[in-house]
N, C-alpha and C. Protein backbone atom coordinates (compact mmCIF):
# COMPACT_ATOMS: atom_id res chain seq x y z
N MET A 1 47.78 3.42 82.67
CA MET A 1 47.48 4.22 81.76
C MET A 1 47.89 5.88 81.89
N THR A 2 48.16 6.23 81.60
CA THR A 2 48.37 7.60 81.42
C THR A 2 47.04 8.41 81.02
N HIS A 3 46.69 9.73 81.86
CA HIS A 3 45.70 10.59 81.66
C HIS A 3 45.41 11.37 80.21
N LYS A 4 46.32 10.90 79.23
CA LYS A 4 45.74 11.09 78.40
C LYS A 4 44.82 10.15 77.43
N LYS A 5 45.20 8.73 78.13
CA LYS A 5 44.54 7.76 77.28
C LYS A 5 43.44 7.43 77.70
N LYS A 6 43.68 8.18 79.28
CA LYS A 6 42.02 7.79 80.20
C LYS A 6 41.12 8.34 79.35
N TRP A 7 41.75 10.12 79.22
CA TRP A 7 40.57 10.99 78.60
C TRP A 7 40.19 10.22 76.75
N ALA A 8 41.31 9.94 76.30
CA ALA A 8 41.14 9.47 74.72
C ALA A 8 39.65 8.56 75.01
N ILE A 9 39.58 7.74 76.11
CA ILE A 9 38.70 6.64 76.37
C ILE A 9 37.43 7.21 76.65
N LEU A 10 37.53 7.77 77.72
CA LEU A 10 36.54 8.41 78.38
C LEU A 10 35.64 9.26 77.84
N ALA A 11 36.37 10.33 77.13
CA ALA A 11 35.16 11.63 76.37
C ALA A 11 34.57 10.87 75.53
N PRO A 12 34.98 10.20 74.30
CA PRO A 12 33.46 9.54 73.68
C PRO A 12 32.70 8.65 73.94
N SER A 13 33.58 7.65 75.13
CA SER A 13 32.95 6.56 75.52
C SER A 13 31.48 7.76 76.99
N GLY A 14 31.59 8.46 77.30
CA GLY A 14 31.15 9.58 78.14
C GLY A 14 29.68 10.17 76.73
N LEU A 15 30.22 11.04 75.84
CA LEU A 15 29.36 10.71 75.21
C LEU A 15 28.31 10.42 74.57
N MET A 16 29.38 8.74 74.02
CA MET A 16 27.74 7.83 73.43
C MET A 16 26.69 7.68 74.94
N LEU A 17 27.40 7.70 75.91
CA LEU A 17 26.25 7.34 76.64
C LEU A 17 24.99 8.18 77.18
N ILE A 18 25.90 9.79 76.92
CA ILE A 18 24.74 10.53 77.07
C ILE A 18 23.89 10.62 76.08
N GLY A 19 24.12 10.45 74.93
CA GLY A 19 23.55 10.12 73.52
C GLY A 19 22.33 8.82 73.75
N ALA A 20 22.55 7.94 73.75
CA ALA A 20 21.94 6.70 74.42
C ALA A 20 20.79 7.13 75.00
N GLY A 21 20.98 7.33 76.29
CA GLY A 21 20.52 8.05 77.12
C GLY A 21 19.35 9.10 77.03
N ALA A 22 19.67 9.72 76.48
CA ALA A 22 18.70 10.71 75.17
C ALA A 22 17.78 9.70 75.14
N CYS A 23 18.37 9.23 74.04
CA CYS A 23 17.10 8.31 73.57
C CYS A 23 16.46 8.25 74.21
N LEU A 24 16.99 6.99 75.05
CA LEU A 24 15.97 6.30 75.91
C LEU A 24 14.80 6.98 76.94
N ILE A 25 15.32 7.46 76.64
CA ILE A 25 14.22 9.33 77.51
C ILE A 25 13.37 9.17 76.56
N SER A 26 13.57 10.10 76.17
CA SER A 26 13.07 10.10 74.50
C SER A 26 11.15 8.76 74.19
N TRP A 27 12.21 7.76 74.02
CA TRP A 27 11.65 6.55 74.48
C TRP A 27 10.81 6.35 75.29
N ALA A 28 11.33 6.59 76.57
CA ALA A 28 10.16 6.01 77.80
C ALA A 28 9.34 6.72 77.37
N GLY A 29 8.98 8.19 77.23
CA GLY A 29 7.95 9.46 77.09
C GLY A 29 7.06 8.69 75.82
N ALA A 30 7.53 8.83 74.72
CA ALA A 30 6.65 7.97 73.89
C ALA A 30 6.03 6.41 74.56
N LEU A 31 6.85 5.88 75.09
CA LEU A 31 5.99 4.64 75.83
C LEU A 31 4.62 5.03 76.55
N LYS A 32 4.81 6.02 77.65
CA LYS A 32 3.85 6.87 78.39
C LYS A 32 2.99 7.07 77.31
N GLU A 33 3.18 8.43 76.22
CA GLU A 33 1.90 8.77 75.47
C GLU A 33 1.24 8.03 74.71
N LYS A 34 2.04 6.29 74.62
CA LYS A 34 1.01 5.56 73.89
C LYS A 34 0.06 4.92 74.76
N GLY A 35 0.21 5.27 76.56
CA GLY A 35 -0.37 5.10 77.07
C GLY A 35 -0.44 3.40 77.71
N THR A 36 0.97 2.99 77.00
CA THR A 36 1.55 1.96 78.02
C THR A 36 1.61 1.72 79.71
N SER A 37 1.50 0.76 79.78
CA SER A 37 1.10 0.86 81.88
C SER A 37 2.24 1.61 82.60
N THR A 38 1.92 2.09 83.59
CA THR A 38 2.56 2.83 84.14
C THR A 38 4.33 2.46 84.96
N THR A 39 4.33 0.59 85.00
CA THR A 39 5.27 0.02 85.20
C THR A 39 6.72 0.13 84.30
N ASN A 40 5.76 0.38 82.96
CA ASN A 40 6.57 -0.35 81.76
C ASN A 40 7.29 0.71 81.47
N TRP A 41 6.59 2.45 81.33
CA TRP A 41 7.27 3.45 81.21
C TRP A 41 8.10 4.36 81.94
N VAL A 42 7.90 3.72 83.64
CA VAL A 42 8.60 4.14 84.79
C VAL A 42 9.77 2.98 84.92
N VAL A 43 9.57 2.16 84.14
CA VAL A 43 11.37 0.95 84.64
C VAL A 43 11.82 1.57 82.93
N ALA A 44 11.08 1.58 82.38
CA ALA A 44 12.09 2.25 80.83
C ALA A 44 13.22 3.73 81.39
N GLY A 45 11.86 4.50 81.90
CA GLY A 45 12.13 5.92 82.41
C GLY A 45 13.63 5.92 82.98
N THR A 46 13.48 4.88 83.76
CA THR A 46 14.12 5.28 85.27
C THR A 46 15.82 4.71 84.29
N GLY A 47 15.60 3.37 83.83
CA GLY A 47 16.60 3.23 83.34
C GLY A 47 17.55 3.65 82.26
N ALA A 48 16.69 4.74 81.83
CA ALA A 48 17.07 5.48 80.44
C ALA A 48 17.46 6.79 81.48
N LEU A 49 17.79 7.14 82.84
CA LEU A 49 17.52 8.24 83.42
C LEU A 49 19.60 7.84 83.70
N ALA A 50 19.43 6.79 84.15
CA ALA A 50 20.70 6.11 84.91
C ALA A 50 21.45 5.97 83.89
N VAL A 51 21.18 5.71 82.49
CA VAL A 51 21.97 6.00 81.55
C VAL A 51 22.71 7.36 81.41
N PHE A 52 21.74 8.17 81.05
CA PHE A 52 22.21 9.47 80.40
C PHE A 52 23.07 9.90 82.01
N ASN A 53 22.81 9.70 83.47
CA ASN A 53 23.54 10.61 84.35
C ASN A 53 25.08 9.37 84.64
N ALA A 54 25.09 8.51 83.86
CA ALA A 54 26.55 7.24 83.81
C ALA A 54 27.20 8.16 83.04
N GLY A 55 26.59 8.80 82.07
CA GLY A 55 26.81 9.42 80.60
C GLY A 55 27.51 10.47 81.24
N ILE A 56 26.81 11.37 81.99
CA ILE A 56 27.66 12.52 82.51
C ILE A 56 28.71 12.56 83.31
N SER A 57 28.51 10.94 84.22
CA SER A 57 29.64 10.67 85.09
C SER A 57 30.75 10.71 84.44
N VAL A 58 30.75 9.27 83.37
CA VAL A 58 31.69 8.95 82.63
C VAL A 58 32.20 10.44 81.73
N PHE A 59 31.81 11.50 81.46
CA PHE A 59 32.36 12.40 80.80
C PHE A 59 32.68 12.97 81.52
N GLY A 60 32.26 13.75 82.83
CA GLY A 60 33.26 14.47 84.28
C GLY A 60 34.33 13.62 84.30
N GLN A 61 34.19 12.60 84.38
CA GLN A 61 35.73 12.03 85.21
C GLN A 61 36.56 12.24 83.68
N SER A 62 36.34 12.39 82.56
CA SER A 62 37.27 11.86 81.60
C SER A 62 38.06 13.84 81.80
N VAL A 63 36.49 14.94 81.66
CA VAL A 63 37.16 16.15 82.10
C VAL A 63 38.81 16.08 83.45
N VAL A 64 38.05 15.41 84.56
CA VAL A 64 39.03 14.97 85.19
C VAL A 64 40.44 14.48 84.28
N GLU A 65 40.07 13.81 84.00
CA GLU A 65 41.24 13.08 82.90
C GLU A 65 41.97 13.95 82.81
N ARG A 66 41.85 15.10 81.86
CA ARG A 66 42.19 15.94 80.69
C ARG A 66 42.82 16.98 81.75
N VAL A 67 42.25 17.35 83.08
CA VAL A 67 42.75 18.27 83.57
C VAL A 67 44.26 18.31 83.57
N LEU A 68 44.07 17.01 84.65
CA LEU A 68 45.42 16.32 85.57
C LEU A 68 46.47 15.79 83.99
N HIS A 69 46.39 15.49 83.26
CA HIS A 69 47.37 15.35 81.65
C HIS A 69 47.53 16.99 81.77
N GLU A 70 46.75 17.83 81.42
CA GLU A 70 47.80 19.42 81.37
C GLU A 70 48.29 19.78 82.18
N VAL A 71 47.98 19.19 83.44
CA VAL A 71 48.94 20.00 84.39
C VAL A 71 50.07 19.19 84.35
N ARG A 72 49.86 18.08 84.38
CA ARG A 72 51.70 17.60 84.37
C ARG A 72 52.52 17.70 83.04
N GLU A 73 51.99 18.13 81.81
CA GLU A 73 53.02 18.50 80.93
C GLU A 73 53.51 19.91 80.99
N ARG A 74 52.97 20.94 81.83
CA ARG A 74 52.69 21.61 81.77
C ARG A 74 53.89 21.89 82.80
N THR A 75 54.25 20.74 84.01
CA THR A 75 54.71 21.07 85.52
C THR A 75 56.37 20.33 84.80
N PRO A 76 57.41 21.32 85.07
CA PRO A 76 58.84 20.79 84.81
C PRO A 76 59.32 19.32 85.70
N ALA A 77 59.62 18.57 85.13
CA ALA A 77 60.22 17.18 85.61
C ALA A 77 61.18 17.67 87.00
N SER A 78 60.51 17.32 88.44
CA SER A 78 62.09 17.95 89.22
C SER A 78 63.03 16.62 89.24
N THR A 79 64.21 17.32 89.21
CA THR A 79 65.36 16.44 89.25
C THR A 79 65.97 15.99 90.85
N PRO A 80 66.26 15.10 90.93
CA PRO A 80 66.91 14.43 92.07
C PRO A 80 68.06 15.79 92.27
N GLY A 81 67.98 16.83 94.14
CA GLY A 81 69.24 17.17 94.17
C GLY A 81 68.66 18.95 93.66
N ASN A 82 67.11 18.92 93.24
CA ASN A 82 67.64 20.74 92.94
C ASN A 82 66.53 20.75 93.86
C-alpha cells in the first residue's frame, strides 16, 4: 500500500476516533455528575481516554505517512549507473 493510500485511510480514521473519544469523555463526565458509582464512571472515562489517545496515535501516523509521501514525490527516482 502506498504512503498516500495509508494517509488517506489513517487521517479520517484518526479524526473519527478523536471525536468519538471526546464524546465518550463528555459522557463519562456526565456519569460522574449524575452520581453514578465511582467504578462506572472511572471505567467509562478510562475507556474514553483510550479511544481518544488511540485517535491521536492514528492521526499522528497519518502525518508520518503524508510526510513520507511528500518526500518520495520530491525525490527523483535514481537510475542505475548514475
